[in-house]
């Protein structure tokens, strides 16, 4: 059985907020669990600015990849952009 973490709408909407501040709540519920796949769907940015996608990449490397059972398999993080 595959363990899948599904996240949606990772865009930052409040001034001064970051992906790290949005992630604080959900992260606390994971309790160190590991997943076979992570799917991030919905809005991935607020304004589609290059800096937002850079932030998303940094967030993925720092927070999402460590949640994978096989951290080295980056293709197990799947992004599905859109509403």
C-alpha atoms as a PDB file:
ATOM      1  CA  UNK A   1       0.000   0.000   0.000  1.00  0.00           C
ATOM      2  CA  UNK A   2       1.404   3.387  -1.001  1.00  0.00           C
ATOM      3  CA  UNK A   3       1.368   6.265   1.465  1.00  0.00           C
ATOM      4  CA  UNK A   4       0.493   9.550  -0.252  1.00  0.00           C
ATOM      5  CA  UNK A   5       0.540  13.038   1.228  1.00  0.00           C
ATOM      6  CA  UNK A   6      -1.748  15.417  -0.661  1.00  0.00           C
ATOM      7  CA  UNK A   7      -1.241  19.152  -0.199  1.00  0.00           C
ATOM      8  CA  UNK A   8      -3.197  21.847  -1.966  1.00  0.00           C
ATOM      9  CA  UNK A   9      -3.037  25.594  -2.532  1.00  0.00           C
ATOM     10  CA  UNK A  10       0.467  26.277  -1.282  1.00  0.00           C
ATOM     11  CA  UNK A  11       0.310  29.877  -2.458  1.00  0.00           C
ATOM     12  CA  UNK A  12       1.036  32.621   0.075  1.00  0.00           C
ATOM     13  CA  UNK A  13      -1.792  35.155   0.210  1.00  0.00           C
ATOM     14  CA  UNK A  14      -0.993  37.288   3.254  1.00  0.00           C
ATOM     15  CA  UNK A  15       1.679  40.012   3.161  1.00  0.00           C
ATOM     16  CA  UNK A  16       4.772  38.986   5.093  1.00  0.00           C
ATOM     17  CA  UNK A  17       3.779  35.311   5.247  1.00  0.00           C
ATOM     18  CA  UNK A  18       6.003  32.585   3.823  1.00  0.00           C
ATOM     19  CA  UNK A  19       5.602  28.942   2.900  1.00  0.00           C
ATOM     20  CA  UNK A  20       7.316  28.148   6.186  1.00  0.00           C
ATOM     21  CA  UNK A  21       4.634  29.987   8.177  1.00  0.00           C
ATOM     22  CA  UNK A  22       1.880  28.200   6.231  1.00  0.00           C
ATOM     23  CA  UNK A  23       3.579  24.856   6.806  1.00  0.00           C
ATOM     24  CA  UNK A  24       3.859  25.179  10.587  1.00  0.00           C
ATOM     25  CA  UNK A  25       0.337  23.878  11.244  1.00  0.00           C
ATOM     26  CA  UNK A  26       0.243  20.912   8.859  1.00  0.00           C
ATOM     27  CA  UNK A  27       3.789  19.854   9.736  1.00  0.00           C
ATOM     28  CA  UNK A  28       2.868  19.468  13.400  1.00  0.00           C
ATOM     29  CA  UNK A  29       0.289  16.795  12.510  1.00  0.00           C
ATOM     30  CA  UNK A  30       2.653  14.630  10.489  1.00  0.00           C
ATOM     31  CA  UNK A  31       4.649  13.444  13.526  1.00  0.00           C
ATOM     32  CA  UNK A  32       7.624  12.279  11.486  1.00  0.00           C
ATOM     33  CA  UNK A  33       5.593  10.146   9.084  1.00  0.00           C
ATOM     34  CA  UNK A  34       7.174   9.181   5.770  1.00  0.00           C
ATOM     35  CA  UNK A  35       5.395   8.963   2.436  1.00  0.00           C
ATOM     36  CA  UNK A  36       5.894   7.183  -0.872  1.00  0.00           C
ATOM     37  CA  UNK A  37       4.545  10.120  -2.868  1.00  0.00           C
ATOM     38  CA  UNK A  38       3.683  13.763  -2.228  1.00  0.00           C
ATOM     39  CA  UNK A  39       1.145  15.479  -4.469  1.00  0.00           C
ATOM     40  CA  UNK A  40       0.860  19.270  -4.329  1.00  0.00           C
ATOM     41  CA  UNK A  41      -2.127  20.512  -6.280  1.00  0.00           C
ATOM     42  CA  UNK A  42      -3.978  23.771  -6.793  1.00  0.00           C
ATOM     43  CA  UNK A  43      -2.455  27.219  -6.641  1.00  0.00           C
ATOM     44  CA  UNK A  44       1.315  26.979  -6.277  1.00  0.00           C
ATOM     45  CA  UNK A  45       1.896  30.744  -6.413  1.00  0.00           C
ATOM     46  CA  UNK A  46      -0.131  33.895  -5.875  1.00  0.00           C
ATOM     47  CA  UNK A  47       1.231  36.117  -8.664  1.00  0.00           C
ATOM     48  CA  UNK A  48       3.226  33.589 -10.767  1.00  0.00           C
ATOM     49  CA  UNK A  49       6.419  35.510 -10.028  1.00  0.00           C
ATOM     50  CA  UNK A  50       9.801  33.840 -10.429  1.00  0.00           C
ATOM     51  CA  UNK A  51      10.615  34.464  -6.754  1.00  0.00           C
ATOM     52  CA  UNK A  52       7.524  32.513  -5.697  1.00  0.00           C
ATOM     53  CA  UNK A  53       8.645  29.482  -7.683  1.00  0.00           C
ATOM     54  CA  UNK A  54      12.139  29.801  -6.220  1.00  0.00           C
ATOM     55  CA  UNK A  55      10.571  29.824  -2.754  1.00  0.00           C
ATOM     56  CA  UNK A  56       8.525  26.749  -3.691  1.00  0.00           C
ATOM     57  CA  UNK A  57      11.656  24.928  -4.857  1.00  0.00           C
ATOM     58  CA  UNK A  58      13.513  25.808  -1.643  1.00  0.00           C
ATOM     59  CA  UNK A  59      10.493  24.737   0.435  1.00  0.00           C
ATOM     60  CA  UNK A  60      10.295  21.459  -1.471  1.00  0.00           C
ATOM     61  CA  UNK A  61      13.951  20.686  -0.871  1.00  0.00           C
ATOM     62  CA  UNK A  62      13.902  21.672   2.809  1.00  0.00           C
ATOM     63  CA  UNK A  63      10.493  20.378   3.896  1.00  0.00           C
ATOM     64  CA  UNK A  64       8.926  17.982   1.403  1.00  0.00           C
ATOM     65  CA  UNK A  65      11.821  15.831   0.209  1.00  0.00           C
ATOM     66  CA  UNK A  66      12.694  14.777   3.783  1.00  0.00           C
ATOM     67  CA  UNK A  67       9.137  13.414   4.131  1.00  0.00           C
ATOM     68  CA  UNK A  68       9.723  10.824   1.410  1.00  0.00           C
ATOM     69  CA  UNK A  69      10.636   7.241   2.221  1.00  0.00           C
ATOM     70  CA  UNK A  70      13.207   7.517  -0.566  1.00  0.00           C
ATOM     71  CA  UNK A  71      14.437  11.098  -0.316  1.00  0.00           C
ATOM     72  CA  UNK A  72      16.703  10.751  -3.324  1.00  0.00           C
ATOM     73  CA  UNK A  73      13.726  10.077  -5.619  1.00  0.00           C
ATOM     74  CA  UNK A  74      12.640  13.664  -6.306  1.00  0.00           C
ATOM     75  CA  UNK A  75      10.188  12.501  -8.962  1.00  0.00           C
ATOM     76  CA  UNK A  76       7.980  11.237  -6.148  1.00  0.00           C
ATOM     77  CA  UNK A  77       6.925  14.845  -5.481  1.00  0.00           C
ATOM     78  CA  UNK A  78       4.267  15.672  -8.045  1.00  0.00           C
ATOM     79  CA  UNK A  79       2.989  19.195  -8.716  1.00  0.00           C
ATOM     80  CA  UNK A  80      -0.412  19.702 -10.362  1.00  0.00           C
ATOM     81  CA  UNK A  81      -0.901  23.464 -10.779  1.00  0.00           C
ATOM     82  CA  UNK A  82      -4.243  25.199 -11.186  1.00  0.00           C
ATOM     83  CA  UNK A  83      -7.535  25.704  -9.426  1.00  0.00           C
END
